[in-house]
Amino acid sequence: MYFIATVWFVNGLYCKVLNFVPRHQEIVGRILGETYARELTILIGLAEVGMTVWVLSGFLRKFNAITQIIVIMTMNILEFILVPDLLLWGRLNFVLASLFCAIIYYNYFVKIKA
């Protein structure tokens, strides 16, 4: 669970809110438009920091896991189709996102039963 929370926190605060990885704003700008790309990138980053808090809280665990998986897959499908040239590993990002979703699924639906 700490690994999952860390991924959300780093991507939200470090990459988007603090803009240490400007490529994220470029992706947002290409998909949603350049006019408010910075503001939208910050909002997305804050939502990811919020996801960190939700993950760590353990509140509605299974709903949280389903939400994470839907958000990750939706975002990565859009990026795969619309901006593969801006992704760190190109279309391979989708594979890595799928692996992250598998880790989430395992932690929330499999591991908890063991």
PDB file of N, CA and C in Angstrom:
ATOM      1  N   MET A   1       0.820  -1.182   0.000  1.00  0.00           N
ATOM      2  CA  MET A   1       0.000   0.000   0.000  1.00  0.00           C
ATOM      3  C   MET A   1       0.877   1.264   0.000  1.00  0.00           C
ATOM      4  N   TYR A   2       1.999   1.243   0.699  1.00  0.00           N
ATOM      5  CA  TYR A   2       2.876   2.417   0.733  1.00  0.00           C
ATOM      6  C   TYR A   2       3.492   2.695  -0.637  1.00  0.00           C
ATOM      7  N   PHE A   3       3.796   1.640  -1.371  1.00  0.00           N
ATOM      8  CA  PHE A   3       4.323   1.822  -2.725  1.00  0.00           C
ATOM      9  C   PHE A   3       3.294   2.524  -3.611  1.00  0.00           C
ATOM     10  N   ILE A   4       2.058   2.065  -3.535  1.00  0.00           N
ATOM     11  CA  ILE A   4       0.982   2.647  -4.338  1.00  0.00           C
ATOM     12  C   ILE A   4       0.788   4.116  -3.971  1.00  0.00           C
ATOM     13  N   ALA A   5       0.754   4.420  -2.686  1.00  0.00           N
ATOM     14  CA  ALA A   5       0.592   5.804  -2.228  1.00  0.00           C
ATOM     15  C   ALA A   5       1.762   6.670  -2.693  1.00  0.00           C
ATOM     16  N   THR A   6       2.961   6.116  -2.651  1.00  0.00           N
ATOM     17  CA  THR A   6       4.148   6.871  -3.068  1.00  0.00           C
ATOM     18  C   THR A   6       4.084   7.234  -4.548  1.00  0.00           C
ATOM     19  N   VAL A   7       3.630   6.298  -5.369  1.00  0.00           N
ATOM     20  CA  VAL A   7       3.502   6.579  -6.809  1.00  0.00           C
ATOM     21  C   VAL A   7       2.541   7.748  -7.033  1.00  0.00           C
ATOM     22  N   TRP A   8       1.394   7.728  -6.366  1.00  0.00           N
ATOM     23  CA  TRP A   8       0.431   8.821  -6.514  1.00  0.00           C
ATOM     24  C   TRP A   8       1.019  10.142  -6.025  1.00  0.00           C
ATOM     25  N   PHE A   9       1.694  10.091  -4.867  1.00  0.00           N
ATOM     26  CA  PHE A   9       2.241  11.311  -4.277  1.00  0.00           C
ATOM     27  C   PHE A   9       3.324  11.933  -5.156  1.00  0.00           C
ATOM     28  N   VAL A  10       4.263  11.128  -5.606  1.00  0.00           N
ATOM     29  CA  VAL A  10       5.365  11.641  -6.422  1.00  0.00           C
ATOM     30  C   VAL A  10       4.841  12.205  -7.742  1.00  0.00           C
ATOM     31  N   ASN A  11       3.956  11.446  -8.404  1.00  0.00           N
ATOM     32  CA  ASN A  11       3.409  11.931  -9.674  1.00  0.00           C
ATOM     33  C   ASN A  11       2.558  13.180  -9.486  1.00  0.00           C
ATOM     34  N   GLY A  12       1.830  13.258  -8.392  1.00  0.00           N
ATOM     35  CA  GLY A  12       0.980  14.415  -8.152  1.00  0.00           C
ATOM     36  C   GLY A  12       1.747  15.648  -7.732  1.00  0.00           C
ATOM     37  N   LEU A  13       2.490  15.547  -6.632  1.00  0.00           N
ATOM     38  CA  LEU A  13       3.167  16.728  -6.098  1.00  0.00           C
ATOM     39  C   LEU A  13       4.425  17.079  -6.880  1.00  0.00           C
ATOM     40  N   TYR A  14       5.329  16.156  -6.972  1.00  0.00           N
ATOM     41  CA  TYR A  14       6.631  16.427  -7.578  1.00  0.00           C
ATOM     42  C   TYR A  14       6.514  16.707  -9.083  1.00  0.00           C
ATOM     43  N   CYS A  15       5.846  15.793  -9.792  1.00  0.00           N
ATOM     44  CA  CYS A  15       5.797  15.911 -11.257  1.00  0.00           C
ATOM     45  C   CYS A  15       4.841  16.993 -11.747  1.00  0.00           C
ATOM     46  N   LYS A  16       3.668  17.104 -11.118  1.00  0.00           N
ATOM     47  CA  LYS A  16       2.648  17.999 -11.662  1.00  0.00           C
ATOM     48  C   LYS A  16       2.535  19.322 -10.912  1.00  0.00           C
ATOM     49  N   VAL A  17       2.290  19.289  -9.604  1.00  0.00           N
ATOM     50  CA  VAL A  17       2.090  20.537  -8.861  1.00  0.00           C
ATOM     51  C   VAL A  17       3.361  21.377  -8.860  1.00  0.00           C
ATOM     52  N   LEU A  18       4.500  20.765  -8.523  1.00  0.00           N
ATOM     53  CA  LEU A  18       5.767  21.497  -8.482  1.00  0.00           C
ATOM     54  C   LEU A  18       6.424  21.610  -9.858  1.00  0.00           C
ATOM     55  N   ASN A  19       5.878  20.922 -10.843  1.00  0.00           N
ATOM     56  CA  ASN A  19       6.294  20.996 -12.244  1.00  0.00           C
ATOM     57  C   ASN A  19       7.764  20.615 -12.466  1.00  0.00           C
ATOM     58  N   PHE A  20       8.229  19.614 -11.721  1.00  0.00           N
ATOM     59  CA  PHE A  20       9.594  19.137 -11.932  1.00  0.00           C
ATOM     60  C   PHE A  20       9.702  18.256 -13.171  1.00  0.00           C
ATOM     61  N   VAL A  21       8.549  17.837 -13.705  1.00  0.00           N
ATOM     62  CA  VAL A  21       8.527  17.062 -14.947  1.00  0.00           C
ATOM     63  C   VAL A  21       7.554  17.772 -15.897  1.00  0.00           C
ATOM     64  N   PRO A  22       8.047  18.789 -16.617  1.00  0.00           N
ATOM     65  CA  PRO A  22       7.187  19.616 -17.475  1.00  0.00           C
ATOM     66  C   PRO A  22       6.431  18.830 -18.549  1.00  0.00           C
ATOM     67  N   ARG A  23       6.907  17.644 -18.868  1.00  0.00           N
ATOM     68  CA  ARG A  23       6.242  16.813 -19.871  1.00  0.00           C
ATOM     69  C   ARG A  23       4.782  16.550 -19.483  1.00  0.00           C
ATOM     70  N   HIS A  24       4.496  16.487 -18.186  1.00  0.00           N
ATOM     71  CA  HIS A  24       3.115  16.253 -17.749  1.00  0.00           C
ATOM     72  C   HIS A  24       2.209  17.409 -18.175  1.00  0.00           C
ATOM     73  N   GLN A  25       2.705  18.624 -18.048  1.00  0.00           N
ATOM     74  CA  GLN A  25       1.920  19.777 -18.488  1.00  0.00           C
ATOM     75  C   GLN A  25       1.770  19.783 -20.006  1.00  0.00           C
ATOM     76  N   GLU A  26       2.796  19.353 -20.718  1.00  0.00           N
ATOM     77  CA  GLU A  26       2.698  19.260 -22.177  1.00  0.00           C
ATOM     78  C   GLU A  26       1.614  18.265 -22.579  1.00  0.00           C
ATOM     79  N   ILE A  27       1.551  17.150 -21.871  1.00  0.00           N
ATOM     80  CA  ILE A  27       0.525  16.135 -22.154  1.00  0.00           C
ATOM     81  C   ILE A  27      -0.859  16.722 -21.923  1.00  0.00           C
ATOM     82  N   VAL A  28      -1.043  17.373 -20.781  1.00  0.00           N
ATOM     83  CA  VAL A  28      -2.332  17.998 -20.469  1.00  0.00           C
ATOM     84  C   VAL A  28      -2.673  19.047 -21.531  1.00  0.00           C
ATOM     85  N   GLY A  29      -1.702  19.852 -21.909  1.00  0.00           N
ATOM     86  CA  GLY A  29      -1.929  20.882 -22.917  1.00  0.00           C
ATOM     87  C   GLY A  29      -2.362  20.319 -24.254  1.00  0.00           C
ATOM     88  N   ARG A  30      -1.741  19.238 -24.660  1.00  0.00           N
ATOM     89  CA  ARG A  30      -2.102  18.628 -25.952  1.00  0.00           C
ATOM     90  C   ARG A  30      -3.481  17.999 -25.910  1.00  0.00           C
ATOM     91  N   ILE A  31      -3.821  17.391 -24.783  1.00  0.00           N
ATOM     92  CA  ILE A  31      -5.099  16.681 -24.702  1.00  0.00           C
ATOM     93  C   ILE A  31      -6.248  17.633 -24.384  1.00  0.00           C
ATOM     94  N   LEU A  32      -6.044  18.544 -23.426  1.00  0.00           N
ATOM     95  CA  LEU A  32      -7.133  19.405 -22.966  1.00  0.00           C
ATOM     96  C   LEU A  32      -7.038  20.844 -23.458  1.00  0.00           C
ATOM     97  N   GLY A  33      -5.938  21.187 -24.123  1.00  0.00           N
ATOM     98  CA  GLY A  33      -5.762  22.544 -24.631  1.00  0.00           C
ATOM     99  C   GLY A  33      -4.744  23.312 -23.814  1.00  0.00           C
ATOM    100  N   GLU A  34      -4.022  24.169 -24.498  1.00  0.00           N
ATOM    101  CA  GLU A  34      -2.919  24.910 -23.874  1.00  0.00           C
ATOM    102  C   GLU A  34      -3.375  26.052 -22.960  1.00  0.00           C
ATOM    103  N   THR A  35      -4.563  26.580 -23.185  1.00  0.00           N
ATOM    104  CA  THR A  35      -5.003  27.777 -22.471  1.00  0.00           C
ATOM    105  C   THR A  35      -4.877  27.649 -20.957  1.00  0.00           C
ATOM    106  N   TYR A  36      -5.373  26.563 -20.418  1.00  0.00           N
ATOM    107  CA  TYR A  36      -5.350  26.363 -18.968  1.00  0.00           C
ATOM    108  C   TYR A  36      -4.541  25.124 -18.583  1.00  0.00           C
ATOM    109  N   ALA A  37      -3.557  24.783 -19.381  1.00  0.00           N
ATOM    110  CA  ALA A  37      -2.781  23.560 -19.142  1.00  0.00           C
ATOM    111  C   ALA A  37      -2.117  23.562 -17.773  1.00  0.00           C
ATOM    112  N   ARG A  38      -1.519  24.687 -17.376  1.00  0.00           N
ATOM    113  CA  ARG A  38      -0.837  24.730 -16.075  1.00  0.00           C
ATOM    114  C   ARG A  38      -1.822  24.538 -14.935  1.00  0.00           C
ATOM    115  N   GLU A  39      -2.942  25.261 -14.993  1.00  0.00           N
ATOM    116  CA  GLU A  39      -3.947  25.168 -13.934  1.00  0.00           C
ATOM    117  C   GLU A  39      -4.532  23.759 -13.854  1.00  0.00           C
ATOM    118  N   LEU A  40      -4.837  23.175 -15.002  1.00  0.00           N
ATOM    119  CA  LEU A  40      -5.390  21.822 -15.024  1.00  0.00           C
ATOM    120  C   LEU A  40      -4.364  20.797 -14.539  1.00  0.00           C
ATOM    121  N   THR A  41      -3.110  21.001 -14.884  1.00  0.00           N
ATOM    122  CA  THR A  41      -2.056  20.098 -14.418  1.00  0.00           C
ATOM    123  C   THR A  41      -1.948  20.157 -12.895  1.00  0.00           C
ATOM    124  N   ILE A  42      -2.037  21.341 -12.337  1.00  0.00           N
ATOM    125  CA  ILE A  42      -2.007  21.489 -10.876  1.00  0.00           C
ATOM    126  C   ILE A  42      -3.212  20.793 -10.247  1.00  0.00           C
ATOM    127  N   LEU A  43      -4.394  20.981 -10.824  1.00  0.00           N
ATOM    128  CA  LEU A  43      -5.598  20.323 -10.283  1.00  0.00           C
ATOM    129  C   LEU A  43      -5.480  18.804 -10.348  1.00  0.00           C
ATOM    130  N   ILE A  44      -4.964  18.297 -11.447  1.00  0.00           N
ATOM    131  CA  ILE A  44      -4.764  16.851 -11.580  1.00  0.00           C
ATOM    132  C   ILE A  44      -3.758  16.383 -10.530  1.00  0.00           C
ATOM    133  N   GLY A  45      -2.680  17.140 -10.357  1.00  0.00           N
ATOM    134  CA  GLY A  45      -1.674  16.794  -9.347  1.00  0.00           C
ATOM    135  C   GLY A  45      -2.257  16.792  -7.941  1.00  0.00           C
ATOM    136  N   LEU A  46      -3.077  17.781  -7.627  1.00  0.00           N
ATOM    137  CA  LEU A  46      -3.714  17.825  -6.307  1.00  0.00           C
ATOM    138  C   LEU A  46      -4.668  16.647  -6.120  1.00  0.00           C
ATOM    139  N   ALA A  47      -5.359  16.265  -7.181  1.00  0.00           N
ATOM    140  CA  ALA A  47      -6.229  15.083  -7.104  1.00  0.00           C
ATOM    141  C   ALA A  47      -5.397  13.830  -6.830  1.00  0.00           C
ATOM    142  N   GLU A  48      -4.213  13.753  -7.417  1.00  0.00           N
ATOM    143  CA  GLU A  48      -3.335  12.614  -7.172  1.00  0.00           C
ATOM    144  C   GLU A  48      -2.812  12.616  -5.741  1.00  0.00           C
ATOM    145  N   VAL A  49      -2.516  13.783  -5.199  1.00  0.00           N
ATOM    146  CA  VAL A  49      -2.128  13.876  -3.792  1.00  0.00           C
ATOM    147  C   VAL A  49      -3.312  13.450  -2.915  1.00  0.00           C
ATOM    148  N   GLY A  50      -4.509  13.842  -3.311  1.00  0.00           N
ATOM    149  CA  GLY A  50      -5.717  13.386  -2.609  1.00  0.00           C
ATOM    150  C   GLY A  50      -5.860  11.879  -2.655  1.00  0.00           C
ATOM    151  N   MET A  51      -5.512  11.288  -3.789  1.00  0.00           N
ATOM    152  CA  MET A  51      -5.559   9.831  -3.903  1.00  0.00           C
ATOM    153  C   MET A  51      -4.577   9.196  -2.926  1.00  0.00           C
ATOM    154  N   THR A  52      -3.432   9.843  -2.724  1.00  0.00           N
ATOM    155  CA  THR A  52      -2.445   9.364  -1.756  1.00  0.00           C
ATOM    156  C   THR A  52      -3.080   9.261  -0.367  1.00  0.00           C
ATOM    157  N   VAL A  53      -3.772  10.314   0.022  1.00  0.00           N
ATOM    158  CA  VAL A  53      -4.421  10.343   1.332  1.00  0.00           C
ATOM    159  C   VAL A  53      -5.481   9.251   1.414  1.00  0.00           C
ATOM    160  N   TRP A  54      -6.254   9.099   0.355  1.00  0.00           N
ATOM    161  CA  TRP A  54      -7.307   8.081   0.341  1.00  0.00           C
ATOM    162  C   TRP A  54      -6.699   6.682   0.455  1.00  0.00           C
ATOM    163  N   VAL A  55      -5.641   6.430  -0.290  1.00  0.00           N
ATOM    164  CA  VAL A  55      -4.971   5.120  -0.230  1.00  0.00           C
ATOM    165  C   VAL A  55      -4.500   4.845   1.193  1.00  0.00           C
ATOM    166  N   LEU A  56      -3.837   5.811   1.806  1.00  0.00           N
ATOM    167  CA  LEU A  56      -3.287   5.615   3.149  1.00  0.00           C
ATOM    168  C   LEU A  56      -4.370   5.502   4.220  1.00  0.00           C
ATOM    169  N   SER A  57      -5.517   6.117   3.971  1.00  0.00           N
ATOM    170  CA  SER A  57      -6.602   6.074   4.959  1.00  0.00           C
ATOM    171  C   SER A  57      -7.251   4.699   5.061  1.00  0.00           C
ATOM    172  N   GLY A  58      -7.233   3.957   3.962  1.00  0.00           N
ATOM    173  CA  GLY A  58      -7.893   2.652   3.957  1.00  0.00           C
ATOM    174  C   GLY A  58      -9.408   2.748   3.855  1.00  0.00           C
ATOM    175  N   PHE A  59      -9.942   3.928   3.669  1.00  0.00           N
ATOM    176  CA  PHE A  59     -11.386   4.150   3.579  1.00  0.00           C
ATOM    177  C   PHE A  59     -11.929   3.596   2.266  1.00  0.00           C
ATOM    178  N   LEU A  60     -12.974   2.796   2.349  1.00  0.00           N
ATOM    179  CA  LEU A  60     -13.602   2.185   1.171  1.00  0.00           C
ATOM    180  C   LEU A  60     -12.543   1.575   0.246  1.00  0.00           C
ATOM    181  N   ARG A  61     -11.758   0.665   0.783  1.00  0.00           N
ATOM    182  CA  ARG A  61     -10.593   0.097   0.097  1.00  0.00           C
ATOM    183  C   ARG A  61     -10.887  -0.418  -1.307  1.00  0.00           C
ATOM    184  N   LYS A  62     -11.911  -1.233  -1.442  1.00  0.00           N
ATOM    185  CA  LYS A  62     -12.177  -1.827  -2.759  1.00  0.00           C
ATOM    186  C   LYS A  62     -12.672  -0.788  -3.760  1.00  0.00           C
ATOM    187  N   PHE A  63     -13.502   0.143  -3.308  1.00  0.00           N
ATOM    188  CA  PHE A  63     -13.945   1.226  -4.186  1.00  0.00           C
ATOM    189  C   PHE A  63     -12.746   2.078  -4.595  1.00  0.00           C
ATOM    190  N   ASN A  64     -11.844   2.305  -3.655  1.00  0.00           N
ATOM    191  CA  ASN A  64     -10.621   3.048  -3.939  1.00  0.00           C
ATOM    192  C   ASN A  64      -9.807   2.342  -5.016  1.00  0.00           C
ATOM    193  N   ALA A  65      -9.646   1.043  -4.885  1.00  0.00           N
ATOM    194  CA  ALA A  65      -8.867   0.275  -5.874  1.00  0.00           C
ATOM    195  C   ALA A  65      -9.504   0.354  -7.254  1.00  0.00           C
ATOM    196  N   ILE A  66     -10.805   0.185  -7.303  1.00  0.00           N
ATOM    197  CA  ILE A  66     -11.512   0.259  -8.591  1.00  0.00           C
ATOM    198  C   ILE A  66     -11.355   1.651  -9.199  1.00  0.00           C
ATOM    199  N   THR A  67     -11.469   2.683  -8.376  1.00  0.00           N
ATOM    200  CA  THR A  67     -11.293   4.059  -8.845  1.00  0.00           C
ATOM    201  C   THR A  67      -9.891   4.268  -9.399  1.00  0.00           C
ATOM    202  N   GLN A  68      -8.886   3.798  -8.667  1.00  0.00           N
ATOM    203  CA  GLN A  68      -7.512   3.932  -9.138  1.00  0.00           C
ATOM    204  C   GLN A  68      -7.318   3.269 -10.495  1.00  0.00           C
ATOM    205  N   ILE A  69      -7.798   2.061 -10.626  1.00  0.00           N
ATOM    206  CA  ILE A  69      -7.625   1.302 -11.871  1.00  0.00           C
ATOM    207  C   ILE A  69      -8.325   2.013 -13.033  1.00  0.00           C
ATOM    208  N   ILE A  70      -9.539   2.491 -12.801  1.00  0.00           N
ATOM    209  CA  ILE A  70     -10.273   3.197 -13.860  1.00  0.00           C
ATOM    210  C   ILE A  70      -9.540   4.477 -14.267  1.00  0.00           C
ATOM    211  N   VAL A  71      -9.074   5.238 -13.288  1.00  0.00           N
ATOM    212  CA  VAL A  71      -8.369   6.494 -13.582  1.00  0.00           C
ATOM    213  C   VAL A  71      -7.084   6.209 -14.360  1.00  0.00           C
ATOM    214  N   ILE A  72      -6.308   5.251 -13.890  1.00  0.00           N
ATOM    215  CA  ILE A  72      -5.029   4.933 -14.536  1.00  0.00           C
ATOM    216  C   ILE A  72      -5.239   4.446 -15.962  1.00  0.00           C
ATOM    217  N   MET A  73      -6.175   3.534 -16.147  1.00  0.00           N
ATOM    218  CA  MET A  73      -6.384   2.981 -17.487  1.00  0.00           C
ATOM    219  C   MET A  73      -6.964   4.026 -18.435  1.00  0.00           C
ATOM    220  N   THR A  74      -7.897   4.840 -17.957  1.00  0.00           N
ATOM    221  CA  THR A  74      -8.464   5.892 -18.802  1.00  0.00           C
ATOM    222  C   THR A  74      -7.379   6.868 -19.248  1.00  0.00           C
ATOM    223  N   MET A  75      -6.588   7.327 -18.281  1.00  0.00           N
ATOM    224  CA  MET A  75      -5.512   8.273 -18.584  1.00  0.00           C
ATOM    225  C   MET A  75      -4.521   7.662 -19.576  1.00  0.00           C
ATOM    226  N   ASN A  76      -4.154   6.425 -19.368  1.00  0.00           N
ATOM    227  CA  ASN A  76      -3.146   5.808 -20.230  1.00  0.00           C
ATOM    228  C   ASN A  76      -3.676   5.443 -21.607  1.00  0.00           C
ATOM    229  N   ILE A  77      -4.935   5.107 -21.725  1.00  0.00           N
ATOM    230  CA  ILE A  77      -5.518   4.866 -23.048  1.00  0.00           C
ATOM    231  C   ILE A  77      -5.533   6.174 -23.853  1.00  0.00           C
ATOM    232  N   LEU A  78      -5.954   7.267 -23.195  1.00  0.00           N
ATOM    233  CA  LEU A  78      -5.951   8.573 -23.871  1.00  0.00           C
ATOM    234  C   LEU A  78      -4.545   8.950 -24.316  1.00  0.00           C
ATOM    235  N   GLU A  79      -3.569   8.791 -23.437  1.00  0.00           N
ATOM    236  CA  GLU A  79      -2.187   9.137 -23.769  1.00  0.00           C
ATOM    237  C   GLU A  79      -1.641   8.227 -24.869  1.00  0.00           C
ATOM    238  N   PHE A  80      -1.959   6.948 -24.797  1.00  0.00           N
ATOM    239  CA  PHE A  80      -1.512   5.980 -25.800  1.00  0.00           C
ATOM    240  C   PHE A  80      -1.980   6.393 -27.189  1.00  0.00           C
ATOM    241  N   ILE A  81      -3.225   6.865 -27.268  1.00  0.00           N
ATOM    242  CA  ILE A  81      -3.817   7.239 -28.548  1.00  0.00           C
ATOM    243  C   ILE A  81      -3.407   8.643 -28.988  1.00  0.00           C
ATOM    244  N   LEU A  82      -3.442   9.605 -28.056  1.00  0.00           N
ATOM    245  CA  LEU A  82      -3.309  11.013 -28.423  1.00  0.00           C
ATOM    246  C   LEU A  82      -1.893  11.591 -28.351  1.00  0.00           C
ATOM    247  N   VAL A  83      -1.065  11.106 -27.419  1.00  0.00           N
ATOM    248  CA  VAL A  83       0.253  11.742 -27.235  1.00  0.00           C
ATOM    249  C   VAL A  83       1.377  10.737 -26.946  1.00  0.00           C
ATOM    250  N   PRO A  84       1.466   9.657 -27.685  1.00  0.00           N
ATOM    251  CA  PRO A  84       2.505   8.664 -27.365  1.00  0.00           C
ATOM    252  C   PRO A  84       3.917   9.241 -27.455  1.00  0.00           C
ATOM    253  N   ASP A  85       4.097  10.269 -28.278  1.00  0.00           N
ATOM    254  CA  ASP A  85       5.422  10.876 -28.435  1.00  0.00           C
ATOM    255  C   ASP A  85       5.881  11.634 -27.189  1.00  0.00           C
ATOM    256  N   LEU A  86       4.955  11.996 -26.300  1.00  0.00           N
ATOM    257  CA  LEU A  86       5.325  12.722 -25.081  1.00  0.00           C
ATOM    258  C   LEU A  86       5.533  11.803 -23.877  1.00  0.00           C
ATOM    259  N   LEU A  87       5.223  10.537 -24.032  1.00  0.00           N
ATOM    260  CA  LEU A  87       5.353   9.609 -22.909  1.00  0.00           C
ATOM    261  C   LEU A  87       6.802   9.186 -22.717  1.00  0.00           C
ATOM    262  N   LEU A  88       7.189   9.008 -21.472  1.00  0.00           N
ATOM    263  CA  LEU A  88       8.573   8.664 -21.144  1.00  0.00           C
ATOM    264  C   LEU A  88       9.027   7.415 -21.879  1.00  0.00           C
ATOM    265  N   TRP A  89       8.192   6.389 -21.915  1.00  0.00           N
ATOM    266  CA  TRP A  89       8.538   5.144 -22.611  1.00  0.00           C
ATOM    267  C   TRP A  89       7.615   4.890 -23.800  1.00  0.00           C
ATOM    268  N   GLY A  90       7.061   5.946 -24.365  1.00  0.00           N
ATOM    269  CA  GLY A  90       6.179   5.795 -25.513  1.00  0.00           C
ATOM    270  C   GLY A  90       4.983   4.923 -25.192  1.00  0.00           C
ATOM    271  N   ARG A  91       4.621   4.093 -26.126  1.00  0.00           N
ATOM    272  CA  ARG A  91       3.451   3.232 -25.926  1.00  0.00           C
ATOM    273  C   ARG A  91       3.691   2.138 -24.895  1.00  0.00           C
ATOM    274  N   LEU A  92       4.957   1.904 -24.542  1.00  0.00           N
ATOM    275  CA  LEU A  92       5.278   0.947 -23.476  1.00  0.00           C
ATOM    276  C   LEU A  92       4.714   1.418 -22.131  1.00  0.00           C
ATOM    277  N   ASN A  93       4.462   2.711 -22.004  1.00  0.00           N
ATOM    278  CA  ASN A  93       3.846   3.234 -20.780  1.00  0.00           C
ATOM    279  C   ASN A  93       2.562   2.498 -20.441  1.00  0.00           C
ATOM    280  N   PHE A  94       1.813   2.118 -21.470  1.00  0.00           N
ATOM    281  CA  PHE A  94       0.553   1.412 -21.236  1.00  0.00           C
ATOM    282  C   PHE A  94       0.795   0.074 -20.543  1.00  0.00           C
ATOM    283  N   VAL A  95       1.848  -0.608 -20.925  1.00  0.00           N
ATOM    284  CA  VAL A  95       2.198  -1.885 -20.291  1.00  0.00           C
ATOM    285  C   VAL A  95       2.559  -1.656 -18.826  1.00  0.00           C
ATOM    286  N   LEU A  96       3.359  -0.626 -18.574  1.00  0.00           N
ATOM    287  CA  LEU A  96       3.757  -0.319 -17.203  1.00  0.00           C
ATOM    288  C   LEU A  96       2.552   0.095 -16.361  1.00  0.00           C
ATOM    289  N   ALA A  97       1.642   0.858 -16.937  1.00  0.00           N
ATOM    290  CA  ALA A  97       0.420   1.243 -16.231  1.00  0.00           C
ATOM    291  C   ALA A  97      -0.429   0.013 -15.919  1.00  0.00           C
ATOM    292  N   SER A  98      -0.480  -0.916 -16.842  1.00  0.00           N
ATOM    293  CA  SER A  98      -1.230  -2.155 -16.619  1.00  0.00           C
ATOM    294  C   SER A  98      -0.613  -2.965 -15.487  1.00  0.00           C
ATOM    295  N   LEU A  99       0.710  -2.990 -15.418  1.00  0.00           N
ATOM    296  CA  LEU A  99       1.390  -3.678 -14.314  1.00  0.00           C
ATOM    297  C   LEU A  99       1.082  -2.993 -12.987  1.00  0.00           C
ATOM    298  N   PHE A 100       1.067  -1.678 -12.977  1.00  0.00           N
ATOM    299  CA  PHE A 100       0.717  -0.948 -11.759  1.00  0.00           C
ATOM    300  C   PHE A 100      -0.714  -1.275 -11.339  1.00  0.00           C
ATOM    301  N   CYS A 101      -1.626  -1.356 -12.295  1.00  0.00           N
ATOM    302  CA  CYS A 101      -3.006  -1.739 -11.995  1.00  0.00           C
ATOM    303  C   CYS A 101      -3.076  -3.161 -11.439  1.00  0.00           C
ATOM    304  N   ALA A 102      -2.246  -4.034 -11.951  1.00  0.00           N
ATOM    305  CA  ALA A 102      -2.202  -5.405 -11.436  1.00  0.00           C
ATOM    306  C   ALA A 102      -1.721  -5.414  -9.984  1.00  0.00           C
ATOM    307  N   ILE A 103      -0.751  -4.562  -9.660  1.00  0.00           N
ATOM    308  CA  ILE A 103      -0.270  -4.449  -8.276  1.00  0.00           C
ATOM    309  C   ILE A 103      -1.394  -3.944  -7.377  1.00  0.00           C
ATOM    310  N   ILE A 104      -2.125  -2.955  -7.856  1.00  0.00           N
ATOM    311  CA  ILE A 104      -3.261  -2.437  -7.084  1.00  0.00           C
ATOM    312  C   ILE A 104      -4.289  -3.543  -6.869  1.00  0.00           C
ATOM    313  N   TYR A 105      -4.643  -4.225  -7.933  1.00  0.00           N
ATOM    314  CA  TYR A 105      -5.624  -5.309  -7.833  1.00  0.00           C
ATOM    315  C   TYR A 105      -5.163  -6.362  -6.823  1.00  0.00           C
ATOM    316  N   TYR A 106      -3.929  -6.773  -6.940  1.00  0.00           N
ATOM    317  CA  TYR A 106      -3.384  -7.788  -6.028  1.00  0.00           C
ATOM    318  C   TYR A 106      -3.465  -7.320  -4.572  1.00  0.00           C
ATOM    319  N   ASN A 107      -3.045  -6.088  -4.324  1.00  0.00           N
ATOM    320  CA  ASN A 107      -3.026  -5.564  -2.950  1.00  0.00           C
ATOM    321  C   ASN A 107      -4.404  -5.411  -2.341  1.00  0.00           C
ATOM    322  N   TYR A 108      -5.393  -5.105  -3.141  1.00  0.00           N
ATOM    323  CA  TYR A 108      -6.724  -4.830  -2.612  1.00  0.00           C
ATOM    324  C   TYR A 108      -7.689  -6.016  -2.689  1.00  0.00           C
ATOM    325  N   PHE A 109      -7.443  -6.950  -3.607  1.00  0.00           N
ATOM    326  CA  PHE A 109      -8.406  -8.027  -3.788  1.00  0.00           C
ATOM    327  C   PHE A 109      -7.836  -9.425  -3.545  1.00  0.00           C
ATOM    328  N   VAL A 110      -6.552  -9.612  -3.650  1.00  0.00           N
ATOM    329  CA  VAL A 110      -5.945 -10.936  -3.485  1.00  0.00           C
ATOM    330  C   VAL A 110      -5.216 -11.037  -2.153  1.00  0.00           C
ATOM    331  N   LYS A 111      -4.286 -10.160  -1.948  1.00  0.00           N
ATOM    332  CA  LYS A 111      -3.424 -10.180  -0.757  1.00  0.00           C
ATOM    333  C   LYS A 111      -4.248 -10.081   0.529  1.00  0.00           C
ATOM    334  N   ILE A 112      -5.302  -9.301   0.509  1.00  0.00           N
ATOM    335  CA  ILE A 112      -6.114  -9.082   1.697  1.00  0.00           C
ATOM    336  C   ILE A 112      -6.791 -10.369   2.178  1.00  0.00           C
ATOM    337  N   LYS A 113      -7.021 -11.308   1.254  1.00  0.00           N
ATOM    338  CA  LYS A 113      -7.656 -12.579   1.602  1.00  0.00           C
ATOM    339  C   LYS A 113      -6.677 -13.555   2.217  1.00  0.00           C
ATOM    340  N   ALA A 114      -5.387 -13.365   1.898  1.00  0.00           N
ATOM    341  CA  ALA A 114      -4.369 -14.307   2.368  1.00  0.00           C
ATOM    342  C   ALA A 114      -4.087 -14.170   3.843  1.00  0.00           C
TER     343      ALA A 114
END
